[in-house]
C-alpha atoms as a PDB file:
ATOM      1  CA  MET A   1      -9.755-123.762  14.571  1.00  0.00           C
ATOM      2  CA  ILE A   2      -9.979-120.873  12.239  1.00  0.00           C
ATOM      3  CA  VAL A   3     -12.800-118.463  12.682  1.00  0.00           C
ATOM      4  CA  ARG A   4     -13.608-116.685   9.478  1.00  0.00           C
ATOM      5  CA  MET A   5     -15.443-113.489   9.920  1.00  0.00           C
ATOM      6  CA  ALA A   6     -16.002-110.930   7.275  1.00  0.00           C
ATOM      7  CA  MET A   7     -17.633-107.669   8.146  1.00  0.00           C
ATOM      8  CA  ALA A   8     -18.735-106.393   4.805  1.00  0.00           C
ATOM      9  CA  ALA A   9     -19.445-102.722   4.518  1.00  0.00           C
ATOM     10  CA  VAL A  10     -21.327-102.814   1.257  1.00  0.00           C
ATOM     11  CA  LEU A  11     -22.181 -99.540  -0.404  1.00  0.00           C
ATOM     12  CA  VAL A  12     -24.657 -99.870  -3.232  1.00  0.00           C
ATOM     13  CA  ALA A  13     -25.950 -96.803  -5.011  1.00  0.00           C
ATOM     14  CA  GLY A  14     -29.693 -97.060  -5.301  1.00  0.00           C
ATOM     15  CA  LEU A  15     -32.245 -94.943  -6.957  1.00  0.00           C
ATOM     16  CA  PHE A  16     -31.132 -91.281  -6.913  1.00  0.00           C
ATOM     17  CA  GLY A  17     -27.855 -92.128  -5.192  1.00  0.00           C
ATOM     18  CA  VAL A  18     -29.390 -93.505  -2.005  1.00  0.00           C
ATOM     19  CA  VAL A  19     -26.846 -95.717  -0.287  1.00  0.00           C
ATOM     20  CA  PRO A  20     -28.344 -98.322   2.055  1.00  0.00           C
ATOM     21  CA  GLU A  21     -26.836 -99.172   5.444  1.00  0.00           C
ATOM     22  CA  ALA A  22     -23.915-101.650   5.523  1.00  0.00           C
ATOM     23  CA  SER A  23     -24.317-105.175   6.864  1.00  0.00           C
ATOM     24  CA  ALA A  24     -21.980-107.702   8.524  1.00  0.00           C
ATOM     25  CA  GLN A  25     -21.497-111.082   6.882  1.00  0.00           C
ATOM     26  CA  ARG A  26     -20.009-114.326   8.214  1.00  0.00           C
ATOM     27  CA  PHE A  27     -18.606-116.688   5.595  1.00  0.00           C
ATOM     28  CA  GLU A  28     -18.048-120.241   6.864  1.00  0.00           C
ATOM     29  CA  GLU A  29     -17.530-121.664   3.385  1.00  0.00           C
ATOM     30  CA  ILE A  30     -16.694-119.922   0.209  1.00  0.00           C
ATOM     31  CA  CYS A  31     -16.984-120.714  -3.448  1.00  0.00           C
ATOM     32  CA  PRO A  32     -13.734-122.297  -4.730  1.00  0.00           C
ATOM     33  CA  ILE A  33     -11.526-119.754  -6.419  1.00  0.00           C
ATOM     34  CA  ASP A  34     -11.310-121.422  -9.813  1.00  0.00           C
ATOM     35  CA  THR A  35     -15.029-122.114 -10.247  1.00  0.00           C
ATOM     36  CA  GLU A  36     -18.224-120.180 -10.688  1.00  0.00           C
ATOM     37  CA  CYS A  37     -20.974-120.627  -8.104  1.00  0.00           C
ATOM     38  CA  GLY A  38     -24.570-119.742  -8.419  1.00  0.00           C
ATOM     39  CA  GLY A  39     -28.102-120.046  -7.239  1.00  0.00           C
ATOM     40  CA  ASP A  40     -27.604-120.668  -3.516  1.00  0.00           C
ATOM     41  CA  GLY A  41     -27.303-117.021  -2.491  1.00  0.00           C
ATOM     42  CA  GLU A  42     -24.322-117.590  -0.172  1.00  0.00           C
ATOM     43  CA  GLY A  43     -22.422-114.395   0.392  1.00  0.00           C
ATOM     44  CA  GLY A  44     -25.454-112.257  -0.410  1.00  0.00           C
ATOM     45  CA  GLY A  45     -27.185-110.665   2.542  1.00  0.00           C
ATOM     46  CA  THR A  46     -29.125-107.474   2.697  1.00  0.00           C
ATOM     47  CA  GLY A  47     -27.921-103.998   2.046  1.00  0.00           C
ATOM     48  CA  GLY A  48     -30.253-102.516   4.654  1.00  0.00           C
ATOM     49  CA  GLY A  49     -33.595-100.863   4.063  1.00  0.00           C
ATOM     50  CA  GLY A  50     -34.880-104.005   2.323  1.00  0.00           C
ATOM     51  CA  THR A  51     -32.656-103.491  -0.724  1.00  0.00           C
ATOM     52  CA  ALA A  52     -30.424-106.409  -1.745  1.00  0.00           C
ATOM     53  CA  PRO A  53     -26.889-105.394  -2.694  1.00  0.00           C
ATOM     54  CA  THR A  54     -25.796-105.699  -6.298  1.00  0.00           C
ATOM     55  CA  TYR A  55     -22.352-106.986  -5.282  1.00  0.00           C
ATOM     56  CA  VAL A  56     -20.583-108.280  -2.188  1.00  0.00           C
ATOM     57  CA  LEU A  57     -16.920-108.280  -1.193  1.00  0.00           C
ATOM     58  CA  GLN A  58     -15.894-111.468   0.601  1.00  0.00           C
ATOM     59  CA  GLY A  59     -12.819-111.649   2.807  1.00  0.00           C
ATOM     60  CA  VAL A  60     -11.269-115.016   3.686  1.00  0.00           C
ATOM     61  CA  ILE A  61      -8.274-116.223   5.720  1.00  0.00           C
ATOM     62  CA  GLN A  62      -6.927-119.769   5.323  1.00  0.00           C
ATOM     63  CA  ASN A  63      -4.373-121.751   7.342  1.00  0.00           C
ATOM     64  CA  GLN A  64      -2.160-123.500   4.782  1.00  0.00           C
ATOM     65  CA  GLY A  65      -0.045-125.518   7.200  1.00  0.00           C
ATOM     66  CA  TYR A  66       2.941-125.101   9.477  1.00  0.00           C
ATOM     67  CA  GLU A  67       6.724-124.920   9.171  1.00  0.00           C
ATOM     68  CA  THR A  68       9.362-125.814  11.747  1.00  0.00           C
ATOM     69  CA  GLY A  69      12.423-123.615  11.884  1.00  0.00           C
ATOM     70  CA  PRO A  70      15.630-123.162  13.822  1.00  0.00           C
ATOM     71  CA  GLY A  71      15.636-124.054  17.517  1.00  0.00           C
ATOM     72  CA  GLY A  72      12.215-125.726  17.343  1.00  0.00           C
ATOM     73  CA  GLY A  73      10.314-122.592  16.408  1.00  0.00           C
ATOM     74  CA  LYS A  74       7.151-122.975  14.369  1.00  0.00           C
ATOM     75  CA  ARG A  75       5.168-120.679  12.140  1.00  0.00           C
ATOM     76  CA  VAL A  76       1.920-120.819  10.198  1.00  0.00           C
ATOM     77  CA  LYS A  77       1.610-120.361   6.433  1.00  0.00           C
ATOM     78  CA  ILE A  78      -1.315-118.066   5.666  1.00  0.00           C
ATOM     79  CA  ARG A  79      -3.426-117.209   2.666  1.00  0.00           C
ATOM     80  CA  GLY A  80      -5.766-114.221   2.702  1.00  0.00           C
ATOM     81  CA  TYR A  81      -7.960-113.219  -0.194  1.00  0.00           C
ATOM     82  CA  SER A  82     -10.607-110.784  -1.353  1.00  0.00           C
ATOM     83  CA  ARG A  83     -13.317-112.034  -3.689  1.00  0.00           C
ATOM     84  CA  PHE A  84     -15.844-109.791  -5.461  1.00  0.00           C
ATOM     85  CA  ALA A  85     -19.141-111.468  -6.403  1.00  0.00           C
ATOM     86  CA  ASP A  86     -22.707-110.819  -7.476  1.00  0.00           C
ATOM     87  CA  VAL A  87     -25.781-111.817  -5.441  1.00  0.00           C
ATOM     88  CA  ASN A  88     -25.655-115.320  -6.983  1.00  0.00           C
ATOM     89  CA  ASN A  89     -22.083-115.711  -5.655  1.00  0.00           C
ATOM     90  CA  ASN A  90     -20.545-115.628  -9.151  1.00  0.00           C
ATOM     91  CA  ARG A  91     -17.223-113.804  -9.404  1.00  0.00           C
ATOM     92  CA  VAL A  92     -17.424-110.387 -11.044  1.00  0.00           C
ATOM     93  CA  ASP A  93     -14.542-108.094 -12.014  1.00  0.00           C
ATOM     94  CA  ALA A  94     -14.237-104.974  -9.886  1.00  0.00           C
ATOM     95  CA  ASP A  95     -12.515-101.840 -11.149  1.00  0.00           C
ATOM     96  CA  PHE A  96      -9.985-102.278  -8.306  1.00  0.00           C
ATOM     97  CA  ILE A  97      -9.624-104.934  -5.583  1.00  0.00           C
ATOM     98  CA  SER A  98      -7.031-105.313  -2.808  1.00  0.00           C
ATOM     99  CA  VAL A  99      -6.105-107.241   0.345  1.00  0.00           C
ATOM    100  CA  ARG A 100      -3.666-106.399   3.175  1.00  0.00           C
ATOM    101  CA  CYS A 101      -3.015-109.002   5.875  1.00  0.00           C
ATOM    102  CA  ASN A 102      -1.069-108.815   9.139  1.00  0.00           C
ATOM    103  CA  ALA A 103      -0.174-111.836  11.291  1.00  0.00           C
ATOM    104  CA  TYR A 104       0.537-110.877  14.929  1.00  0.00           C
ATOM    105  CA  ASP A 105       2.306-113.074  17.475  1.00  0.00           C
ATOM    106  CA  ALA A 106       1.825-112.966  21.274  1.00  0.00           C
ATOM    107  CA  LEU A 107       4.988-110.872  21.790  1.00  0.00           C
ATOM    108  CA  GLY A 108       3.835-108.069  19.505  1.00  0.00           C
ATOM    109  CA  GLY A 109       5.799-109.052  16.411  1.00  0.00           C
ATOM    110  CA  TYR A 110       4.066-109.254  13.067  1.00  0.00           C
ATOM    111  CA  THR A 111       4.440-110.002   9.391  1.00  0.00           C
ATOM    112  CA  THR A 112       2.438-108.369   6.628  1.00  0.00           C
ATOM    113  CA  GLU A 113       1.586-108.822   2.962  1.00  0.00           C
ATOM    114  CA  TYR A 114      -0.372-106.780   0.397  1.00  0.00           C
ATOM    115  CA  ASP A 115      -1.616-107.206  -3.157  1.00  0.00           C
ATOM    116  CA  ASP A 116      -4.030-105.409  -5.466  1.00  0.00           C
ATOM    117  CA  GLU A 117      -5.327-105.704  -8.991  1.00  0.00           C
ATOM    118  CA  SER A 118      -7.262-103.604 -11.467  1.00  0.00           C
ATOM    119  CA  ASN A 119     -10.172-105.204 -13.342  1.00  0.00           C
ATOM    120  CA  GLY A 120     -10.143-108.400 -11.281  1.00  0.00           C
ATOM    121  CA  ALA A 121     -12.546-110.443  -9.196  1.00  0.00           C
ATOM    122  CA  LEU A 122     -10.010-112.006  -6.825  1.00  0.00           C
ATOM    123  CA  VAL A 123      -6.727-111.006  -5.250  1.00  0.00           C
ATOM    124  CA  ASP A 124      -4.776-113.047  -2.714  1.00  0.00           C
ATOM    125  CA  VAL A 125      -1.615-113.046  -0.613  1.00  0.00           C
ATOM    126  CA  HIS A 126       0.498-115.944   0.641  1.00  0.00           C
ATOM    127  CA  PHE A 127       2.861-115.352   3.560  1.00  0.00           C
ATOM    128  CA  ALA A 128       4.063-116.818   6.852  1.00  0.00           C
ATOM    129  CA  SER A 129       3.890-115.609  10.442  1.00  0.00           C
ATOM    130  CA  ASN A 130       6.989-115.050  12.545  1.00  0.00           C
ATOM    131  CA  PHE A 131       8.517-118.145  14.146  1.00  0.00           C
ATOM    132  CA  VAL A 132       7.154-118.644  17.672  1.00  0.00           C
ATOM    133  CA  TYR A 133       8.722-120.569  20.534  1.00  0.00           C
ATOM    134  CA  GLY A 134       7.652-121.839  23.944  1.00  0.00           C
ATOM    135  CA  VAL A 135       4.402-123.064  25.404  1.00  0.00           C
ATOM    136  CA  SER A 136       0.909-122.761  24.019  1.00  0.00           C
ATOM    137  CA  ASN A 137       0.337-119.173  25.248  1.00  0.00           C
ATOM    138  CA  TYR A 138       3.007-117.989  22.828  1.00  0.00           C
ATOM    139  CA  ARG A 139       1.866-120.134  19.906  1.00  0.00           C
ATOM    140  CA  ARG A 140      -1.276-118.211  18.975  1.00  0.00           C
ATOM    141  CA  ILE A 141      -1.189-116.098  15.822  1.00  0.00           C
ATOM    142  CA  THR A 142      -3.867-113.475  15.199  1.00  0.00           C
ATOM    143  CA  VAL A 143      -4.429-112.677  11.524  1.00  0.00           C
ATOM    144  CA  VAL A 144      -6.280-109.536  10.417  1.00  0.00           C
ATOM    145  CA  CYS A 145      -6.977-108.830   6.748  1.00  0.00           C
ATOM    146  CA  VAL A 146      -8.494-105.669   5.275  1.00  0.00           C
ATOM    147  CA  HIS A 147     -10.250-106.099   1.930  1.00  0.00           C
ATOM    148  CA  ASN A 148     -11.235-103.265  -0.421  1.00  0.00           C
ATOM    149  CA  ALA A 149     -12.844-103.010  -3.832  1.00  0.00           C
ATOM    150  CA  THR A 150     -14.114-100.244  -6.075  1.00  0.00           C
ATOM    151  CA  ASN A 151     -16.715-100.769  -8.770  1.00  0.00           C
ATOM    152  CA  GLY A 152     -18.013 -97.699 -10.546  1.00  0.00           C
ATOM    153  CA  VAL A 153     -18.745 -95.054  -7.907  1.00  0.00           C
ATOM    154  CA  ASN A 154     -19.203 -97.641  -5.143  1.00  0.00           C
ATOM    155  CA  ASN A 155     -16.571 -98.623  -2.566  1.00  0.00           C
ATOM    156  CA  TYR A 156     -16.660-101.944  -0.718  1.00  0.00           C
ATOM    157  CA  SER A 157     -14.723-102.823   2.440  1.00  0.00           C
ATOM    158  CA  ALA A 158     -14.476-105.889   4.659  1.00  0.00           C
ATOM    159  CA  THR A 159     -12.269-107.003   7.549  1.00  0.00           C
ATOM    160  CA  SER A 160     -11.615-110.660   8.321  1.00  0.00           C
ATOM    161  CA  THR A 161      -9.882-112.056  11.409  1.00  0.00           C
ATOM    162  CA  ALA A 162      -8.639-115.464  12.495  1.00  0.00           C
ATOM    163  CA  GLU A 163      -6.844-116.858  15.536  1.00  0.00           C
ATOM    164  CA  ILE A 164      -4.587-119.785  14.714  1.00  0.00           C
ATOM    165  CA  ASP A 165      -2.998-121.957  17.404  1.00  0.00           C
ATOM    166  CA  ILE A 166       0.284-123.494  16.262  1.00  0.00           C
ATOM    167  CA  PRO A 167       0.649-127.071  17.585  1.00  0.00           C
END
């Protein structure tokens, strides 16, 4: 089971440069990448102080299957992405958007991947964990992704985590 958790630190400049307090968001489902969404308010949330944020940065981790390697080792294929959206959950281009993901195994090994884009609404990475061997205690992969975006003078950050058990 993948637990998707995005802690969105949303900075929105208000009247006279007032920046409301950040809020944590949990995204169980997300708008498909190649479509526009709208009207349901998913991914919105409050910016603190009763002011709704203008934009939200969503961070998502997906398990894209498993691979078997030499000696019976297995690894998980991972996709992590950052998605910048308005309060109606429609994608909006940020000045800069990035994602960095690390996949840690139980023995302290890890793999990592990074991507960024200027003037984009979505950036994603595809990579695989290390091969793991042995019993179930050694077959858990912990994935941590850090998502960042800049739009105008505002910076947005989110961290998403997932624990994936390899069968």
